[in-house]
N, C-alpha and C. Protein backbone atom coordinates (compact mmCIF):
# COMPACT_ATOMS: atom_id res chain seq x y z
N MET A 1 0.93 -1.27 -0.03
CA MET A 1 -0.05 0.07 0.06
C MET A 1 0.95 1.22 -0.06
N LYS A 2 1.64 1.25 0.86
CA LYS A 2 2.73 2.31 0.86
C LYS A 2 3.48 2.67 -0.39
N ALA A 3 3.86 1.50 -0.92
CA ALA A 3 4.58 1.64 -2.39
C ALA A 3 3.84 2.14 -3.28
N LYS A 4 2.46 1.92 -3.26
CA LYS A 4 1.62 2.39 -4.38
C LYS A 4 1.38 3.73 -4.15
N VAL A 5 1.18 4.46 -2.82
CA VAL A 5 0.93 5.92 -2.80
C VAL A 5 2.23 6.58 -3.00
N ILE A 6 3.48 6.02 -2.71
CA ILE A 6 4.83 6.63 -3.29
C ILE A 6 4.89 6.67 -4.78
N MET A 7 4.45 5.60 -5.49
CA MET A 7 4.36 5.62 -6.96
C MET A 7 3.44 6.79 -7.45
N LEU A 8 2.25 6.69 -6.88
CA LEU A 8 1.18 7.76 -7.21
C LEU A 8 1.97 9.08 -7.28
N LEU A 9 2.49 9.45 -5.87
CA LEU A 9 3.04 10.80 -5.61
C LEU A 9 4.18 11.07 -6.67
N HIS A 10 4.85 10.24 -6.89
CA HIS A 10 6.02 10.40 -8.01
C HIS A 10 5.57 10.56 -9.49
N LEU A 11 4.56 9.79 -9.67
CA LEU A 11 3.85 10.13 -11.06
C LEU A 11 3.35 11.52 -11.16
N PHE A 12 2.75 12.07 -10.19
CA PHE A 12 2.26 13.39 -10.31
C PHE A 12 3.10 14.54 -9.77
N GLY A 13 4.42 14.08 -9.38
CA GLY A 13 5.47 15.05 -9.07
C GLY A 13 5.07 15.60 -7.71
N LEU A 14 4.45 15.01 -6.98
CA LEU A 14 4.01 15.66 -5.54
C LEU A 14 5.07 15.06 -4.52
N ASP A 15 5.79 14.04 -4.95
CA ASP A 15 6.98 13.48 -3.78
C ASP A 15 8.15 14.64 -3.51
N VAL A 16 8.30 15.54 -4.72
CA VAL A 16 9.15 16.44 -4.47
C VAL A 16 8.69 17.46 -3.52
N LEU A 17 7.45 17.80 -3.70
CA LEU A 17 6.64 18.92 -2.92
C LEU A 17 6.50 18.31 -1.40
N PHE A 18 6.40 17.11 -1.18
CA PHE A 18 6.38 16.59 0.27
C PHE A 18 7.66 16.66 0.86
N LEU A 19 8.73 16.18 0.02
CA LEU A 19 10.02 16.27 0.55
C LEU A 19 10.52 17.61 1.07
N GLY A 20 10.03 18.73 0.14
CA GLY A 20 10.35 20.02 0.28
C GLY A 20 9.58 20.56 1.66
N LEU A 21 8.32 20.12 1.77
CA LEU A 21 7.59 20.53 3.00
C LEU A 21 8.20 19.77 4.19
N ILE A 22 8.77 18.68 4.16
CA ILE A 22 9.14 17.98 5.35
C ILE A 22 10.65 18.71 5.50
N GLU A 23 11.43 19.21 4.58
CA GLU A 23 12.74 19.63 4.92
C GLU A 23 12.31 21.09 5.54
N LYS A 24 11.27 21.84 5.18
CA LYS A 24 11.07 23.12 5.79
C LYS A 24 10.68 22.83 7.27
N LEU A 25 9.75 21.85 7.50
CA LEU A 25 9.35 21.58 8.69
C LEU A 25 10.38 21.34 9.55
N LEU A 26 11.47 20.51 9.27
CA LEU A 26 12.61 20.05 9.76
C LEU A 26 13.55 21.19 10.35
N LEU A 27 13.76 22.17 9.29
CA LEU A 27 14.51 23.35 9.43
C LEU A 27 13.88 24.26 10.56
N GLY A 28 12.49 24.51 10.52
CA GLY A 28 11.83 25.48 11.49
C GLY A 28 12.03 24.63 12.65
N LEU A 29 11.83 23.25 12.99
CA LEU A 29 12.05 22.66 14.28
C LEU A 29 13.41 22.86 14.86
N SER A 30 14.34 22.70 13.77
CA SER A 30 15.73 22.81 14.22
C SER A 30 16.15 24.50 14.93
N LYS A 31 15.59 25.32 14.19
CA LYS A 31 15.74 26.77 14.72
C LYS A 31 15.05 26.94 15.84
N ARG A 32 13.90 26.33 16.11
CA ARG A 32 13.10 26.46 17.62
C ARG A 32 13.82 25.70 18.57
N LEU A 33 14.47 24.44 18.29
CA LEU A 33 15.19 23.84 19.32
C LEU A 33 16.46 24.72 19.71
N ALA A 34 16.99 25.38 18.61
CA ALA A 34 18.35 26.05 18.80
C ALA A 34 17.93 27.31 19.89
N ALA A 35 16.73 27.75 19.67
CA ALA A 35 16.33 28.95 20.34
C ALA A 35 16.05 28.50 21.97
N MET A 36 15.51 27.26 22.17
CA MET A 36 15.09 26.95 23.33
C MET A 36 16.30 26.42 24.14
N LYS A 37 17.31 26.07 23.16
CA LYS A 37 18.74 25.59 24.18
C LYS A 37 19.28 26.93 24.44
N GLU A 38 19.24 27.98 23.54
CA GLU A 38 20.04 29.37 24.21
C GLU A 38 19.36 29.96 25.20
N ALA A 39 17.95 29.85 25.21
CA ALA A 39 17.09 30.27 26.46
C ALA A 39 17.38 29.58 27.82
N ALA A 40 17.46 28.14 27.51
CA ALA A 40 17.95 27.37 28.86
C ALA A 40 19.23 27.67 29.30
N GLN A 41 20.17 28.08 28.32
CA GLN A 41 21.62 28.34 28.92
C GLN A 41 21.37 29.54 29.49
N ARG A 42 20.94 30.61 28.84
CA ARG A 42 20.75 32.08 29.76
C ARG A 42 20.11 31.77 30.85
N SER A 43 19.07 30.99 31.26
CA SER A 43 18.52 30.74 32.42
C SER A 43 19.34 30.10 33.68
N LEU A 44 20.26 29.24 32.77
CA LEU A 44 21.20 28.46 33.68
C LEU A 44 22.43 29.45 34.39
N ASP A 45 22.80 30.30 33.31
CA ASP A 45 23.77 31.28 33.58
C ASP A 45 23.27 32.16 34.81
N ARG A 46 21.97 32.63 34.64
CA ARG A 46 21.58 33.52 35.46
C ARG A 46 21.38 33.05 37.07
N CYS A 47 21.11 31.55 37.20
CA CYS A 47 20.94 30.87 38.33
C CYS A 47 22.37 30.83 38.76
N LYS A 48 23.32 30.61 38.04
CA LYS A 48 24.83 30.44 38.81
C LYS A 48 25.10 31.54 39.18
N ILE A 49 24.95 32.64 38.44
CA ILE A 49 25.17 34.14 38.90
C ILE A 49 24.68 34.50 40.08
N ARG A 50 23.21 34.42 40.23
CA ARG A 50 22.55 34.57 41.59
C ARG A 50 23.05 33.68 42.71
N ASN A 51 23.53 32.41 42.51
CA ASN A 51 24.07 31.51 43.48
C ASN A 51 25.30 31.55 44.00
N GLY A 52 26.04 32.46 43.02
CA GLY A 52 27.57 32.62 43.33
C GLY A 52 28.33 31.53 42.97
N ASP A 53 28.15 30.77 42.09
CA ASP A 53 28.90 29.60 41.55
C ASP A 53 29.81 30.06 40.43
């Protein structure tokens, strides 16, 4: 079943569109995770300064 869907997508050229969509979603997720990492690091730095470590 999965192979048939992939063949139909390829036939109509939609497989490239879906790959592009997945790539954009992963890029957005990567940027969001990087921003969350930076926010967590700043928070830890503030805690260290406050605690005198």
